[in-house]
Amino acid sequence: MQQSSSLHVAIVMDGNGRWAARRGVPRVAGHRAGAEAVRRVVEAAPELGIAALTLYAFSADNWKRPAPEVAALMRLFARYLRSESVRLRAHDVRLEVVGRRDRLPAQLAAAITLAERVTASGSRLRLRLAVDYSARWAIRAGAILPDVDLLIRTGGEQRLSDFLLWECAYAELYFSDTMWPDFGAADLARALADFQARERRFGGLPHRLPKGAIA
């Protein structure tokens, strides 16, 4: 696979709840399994030529979920940040959390600040976690990120759900039926292989057209 040192991939991590429901376990078990999938994908990303990876962890609309589930997610985020910071630093990964912070629990906000400080020197992969994130809010606030090359959504749904709307203006879209907790390095590689096979025109013409062809 052709690799790019500037490739920005974004993922809507969907399907934790349905994964849990199919197994007859609490939804929080799906979120815990989803955290393991994050580790697998983050470790695989640099080897596949990804320079920046943005993961949709918690949308601004997710506050509408039942309070116990939201509280469990906030604790899971904080625990993940505390436990993974050293590992991320060892793998030369720089972590950044994007989205609003004024509505987050103090414990989570502190964990974010510490994780960002611990991993600030990372240069192999720029990892962004979108927490309490809304693309509409980000556009209004001017919190714009670099353009996305490939947007992946797991879990079978086919929509952006207010994620990186500005940045995905020319992104290639890839939808996977795999639930996020089951997503791994092989799934990511398949998505990238599909992306590399596409012809990106950005409104222009391809570099080479067959003789007599009309784009």
Protein backbone atom coordinates (compact mmCIF):
# COMPACT_ATOMS: atom_id res chain seq x y z
CA MET A 1 0.00 0.00 0.00
CA GLN A 2 1.24 3.45 -0.87
CA GLN A 3 1.83 5.38 2.33
CA SER A 4 1.52 9.09 2.95
CA SER A 5 3.32 10.95 5.70
CA SER A 6 0.52 13.51 5.93
CA LEU A 7 -2.56 11.30 5.81
CA HIS A 8 -5.36 12.46 8.14
CA VAL A 9 -7.92 9.78 8.96
CA ALA A 10 -11.02 10.40 11.07
CA ILE A 11 -13.25 7.69 12.53
CA VAL A 12 -16.80 7.79 13.86
CA MET A 13 -16.58 4.95 16.38
CA ASP A 14 -20.12 3.59 16.22
CA GLY A 15 -21.69 0.37 17.46
CA ASN A 16 -20.59 -0.06 21.08
CA GLY A 17 -24.15 -0.20 22.39
CA ARG A 18 -25.41 -2.57 19.71
CA TRP A 19 -22.35 -4.79 20.19
CA ALA A 20 -23.23 -5.08 23.87
CA ALA A 21 -26.93 -5.65 23.22
CA ARG A 22 -26.21 -8.57 20.89
CA ARG A 23 -24.20 -10.20 23.65
CA GLY A 24 -26.71 -9.49 26.38
CA VAL A 25 -24.28 -7.41 28.42
CA PRO A 26 -24.60 -3.83 29.73
CA ARG A 27 -23.88 -0.99 27.30
CA VAL A 28 -20.90 0.08 29.39
CA ALA A 29 -19.28 -3.28 28.53
CA GLY A 30 -19.49 -2.24 24.89
CA HIS A 31 -17.79 1.03 25.69
CA ARG A 32 -14.99 -0.80 27.51
CA ALA A 33 -14.53 -3.08 24.51
CA GLY A 34 -14.51 0.03 22.34
CA ALA A 35 -11.61 1.41 24.36
CA GLU A 36 -9.62 -1.72 23.51
CA ALA A 37 -10.38 -1.11 19.84
CA VAL A 38 -8.98 2.40 20.20
CA ARG A 39 -5.71 0.93 21.44
CA ARG A 40 -5.50 -1.50 18.50
CA VAL A 41 -6.19 1.17 15.91
CA VAL A 42 -3.83 3.74 17.44
CA GLU A 43 -1.01 1.20 17.49
CA ALA A 44 -1.65 0.20 13.86
CA ALA A 45 -2.12 3.70 12.42
CA PRO A 46 1.52 4.82 12.05
CA GLU A 47 2.51 1.52 10.44
CA LEU A 48 -0.17 2.16 7.80
CA GLY A 49 1.14 5.62 6.97
CA ILE A 50 -1.35 7.64 9.01
CA ALA A 51 0.08 10.86 10.42
CA ALA A 52 -3.05 12.16 12.14
CA LEU A 53 -5.99 10.23 13.55
CA THR A 54 -9.13 11.91 14.89
CA LEU A 55 -11.60 9.73 16.80
CA TYR A 56 -15.19 10.75 17.59
CA ALA A 57 -15.50 9.66 21.20
CA PHE A 58 -18.44 11.69 22.54
CA SER A 59 -20.63 14.11 20.64
CA ALA A 60 -22.39 17.16 22.02
CA ASP A 61 -25.65 15.29 21.40
CA ASN A 62 -24.52 12.33 23.51
CA TRP A 63 -25.43 14.30 26.65
CA LYS A 64 -29.01 13.24 25.82
CA ARG A 65 -28.21 9.67 26.80
CA PRO A 66 -29.21 8.32 30.23
CA ALA A 67 -27.25 9.99 33.02
CA PRO A 68 -25.75 6.71 34.36
CA GLU A 69 -24.36 5.85 30.92
CA VAL A 70 -22.91 9.34 30.45
CA ALA A 71 -21.30 9.21 33.90
CA ALA A 72 -19.79 5.81 33.10
CA LEU A 73 -18.40 7.16 29.82
CA MET A 74 -16.82 10.14 31.57
CA ARG A 75 -15.13 7.81 34.07
CA LEU A 76 -13.98 5.54 31.24
CA PHE A 77 -12.46 8.48 29.33
CA ALA A 78 -10.58 9.66 32.42
CA ARG A 79 -9.33 6.16 33.19
CA TYR A 80 -8.22 5.64 29.58
CA LEU A 81 -6.28 8.90 29.57
CA ARG A 82 -4.55 8.13 32.84
CA SER A 83 -3.64 4.56 31.87
CA GLU A 84 -2.64 5.20 28.27
CA SER A 85 -0.60 8.40 28.54
CA VAL A 86 2.68 6.63 29.27
CA ARG A 87 2.04 4.08 26.52
CA LEU A 88 1.27 6.84 24.03
CA ARG A 89 4.43 8.70 24.96
CA ALA A 90 6.47 5.50 24.57
CA HIS A 91 5.03 5.07 21.07
CA ASP A 92 5.80 8.72 20.21
CA VAL A 93 2.09 9.63 19.95
CA ARG A 94 0.91 13.14 20.70
CA LEU A 95 -2.59 13.28 22.19
CA GLU A 96 -4.95 16.22 21.88
CA VAL A 97 -8.59 16.42 22.98
CA VAL A 98 -10.86 18.61 20.85
CA GLY A 99 -14.31 19.89 21.72
CA ARG A 100 -15.80 21.81 24.59
CA ARG A 101 -14.28 21.40 28.03
CA ASP A 102 -16.50 23.64 30.13
CA ARG A 103 -19.13 20.90 30.53
CA LEU A 104 -16.77 18.05 31.38
CA PRO A 105 -16.37 16.71 34.93
CA ALA A 106 -13.38 18.21 36.72
CA GLN A 107 -11.72 14.80 37.03
CA LEU A 108 -11.86 14.28 33.27
CA ALA A 109 -10.68 17.81 32.49
CA ALA A 110 -7.67 17.28 34.76
CA ALA A 111 -6.89 13.93 33.09
CA ILE A 112 -7.01 15.61 29.67
CA THR A 113 -4.60 18.35 30.73
CA LEU A 114 -2.15 15.84 32.17
CA ALA A 115 -2.32 13.50 29.15
CA GLU A 116 -1.73 16.35 26.72
CA ARG A 117 1.26 17.52 28.73
CA VAL A 118 2.77 14.03 29.05
CA THR A 119 2.50 13.32 25.30
CA ALA A 120 3.32 16.80 23.99
CA SER A 121 6.62 15.73 22.40
CA GLY A 122 5.08 12.93 20.31
CA SER A 123 5.77 13.20 16.58
CA ARG A 124 4.97 9.76 15.08
CA LEU A 125 1.19 10.15 15.26
CA ARG A 126 -1.10 13.07 16.10
CA LEU A 127 -4.04 11.53 17.93
CA ARG A 128 -7.11 13.66 18.52
CA LEU A 129 -10.05 12.54 20.64
CA ALA A 130 -13.24 14.51 19.99
CA VAL A 131 -15.09 14.80 23.33
CA ASP A 132 -18.21 16.92 23.76
CA TYR A 133 -17.64 17.81 20.13
CA SER A 134 -19.98 19.38 17.58
CA ALA A 135 -18.78 20.43 14.13
CA ARG A 136 -21.36 23.22 14.05
CA TRP A 137 -20.03 24.54 17.34
CA ALA A 138 -16.44 24.22 16.12
CA ILE A 139 -17.18 26.17 12.94
CA ARG A 140 -18.82 28.98 14.90
CA ALA A 141 -15.94 29.01 17.40
CA GLY A 142 -13.25 28.87 14.71
CA ALA A 143 -11.90 25.60 16.10
CA ILE A 144 -11.06 24.18 12.69
CA LEU A 145 -8.73 21.21 12.26
CA PRO A 146 -6.65 20.20 9.21
CA ASP A 147 -8.51 18.71 6.27
CA VAL A 148 -9.50 15.05 6.54
CA ASP A 149 -8.43 12.68 3.76
CA LEU A 150 -10.47 9.64 4.78
CA LEU A 151 -13.47 9.43 7.08
CA ILE A 152 -14.43 5.98 8.35
CA ARG A 153 -17.69 5.17 10.12
CA THR A 154 -18.20 1.80 11.74
CA GLY A 155 -21.42 0.10 12.79
CA GLY A 156 -23.24 0.24 9.47
CA GLU A 157 -24.60 3.78 9.69
CA GLN A 158 -23.92 6.17 6.79
CA ARG A 159 -23.91 9.75 8.03
CA LEU A 160 -21.46 12.28 9.49
CA SER A 161 -23.43 13.06 12.67
CA ASP A 162 -22.03 16.57 13.12
CA PHE A 163 -18.41 15.41 12.95
CA LEU A 164 -15.72 17.48 11.18
CA LEU A 165 -18.17 18.89 8.64
CA TRP A 166 -15.80 21.61 7.44
CA GLU A 167 -12.72 19.39 7.46
CA CYS A 168 -14.48 16.62 5.52
CA ALA A 169 -15.41 18.85 2.57
CA TYR A 170 -13.26 16.72 0.24
CA ALA A 171 -12.78 13.63 2.38
CA GLU A 172 -13.32 10.17 0.97
CA LEU A 173 -16.02 8.34 2.94
CA TYR A 174 -15.80 4.69 3.96
CA PHE A 175 -18.60 2.90 5.79
CA SER A 176 -18.03 -0.40 7.57
CA ASP A 177 -20.66 -2.76 8.97
CA THR A 178 -18.20 -3.86 11.65
CA MET A 179 -19.15 -2.71 15.14
CA TRP A 180 -16.45 -0.55 16.68
CA PRO A 181 -15.44 -3.03 19.44
CA ASP A 182 -14.61 -5.57 16.70
CA PHE A 183 -12.69 -3.09 14.53
CA GLY A 184 -8.96 -3.64 14.33
CA ALA A 185 -5.78 -3.24 12.31
CA ALA A 186 -7.01 -5.43 9.44
CA ASP A 187 -10.21 -3.40 9.13
CA LEU A 188 -8.22 -0.17 9.11
CA ALA A 189 -5.89 -1.56 6.44
CA ARG A 190 -8.88 -2.52 4.26
CA ALA A 191 -10.30 0.97 4.54
CA LEU A 192 -6.95 2.48 3.57
CA ALA A 193 -6.56 0.10 0.63
CA ASP A 194 -9.99 1.18 -0.60
CA PHE A 195 -8.99 4.82 -0.17
CA GLN A 196 -5.72 4.37 -2.07
CA ALA A 197 -7.62 2.83 -5.00
CA ARG A 198 -9.85 5.88 -5.40
CA GLU A 199 -9.19 8.81 -7.72
CA ARG A 200 -9.38 12.13 -5.92
CA ARG A 201 -10.07 15.06 -8.23
CA PHE A 202 -10.93 17.97 -5.89
CA GLY A 203 -13.19 19.40 -8.58
CA GLY A 204 -10.58 19.10 -11.32
CA LEU A 205 -9.55 16.39 -13.75
CA PRO A 206 -7.56 13.26 -12.96
CA HIS A 207 -3.89 13.31 -13.80
CA ARG A 208 -4.31 10.84 -16.65
CA LEU A 209 -7.44 10.02 -18.63
CA PRO A 210 -7.80 7.31 -21.26
CA LYS A 211 -7.68 8.77 -24.75
CA GLY A 212 -11.09 10.10 -25.74
CA ALA A 213 -12.57 9.72 -22.24
CA ILE A 214 -14.76 12.44 -20.75
CA ALA A 215 -14.59 12.94 -17.00
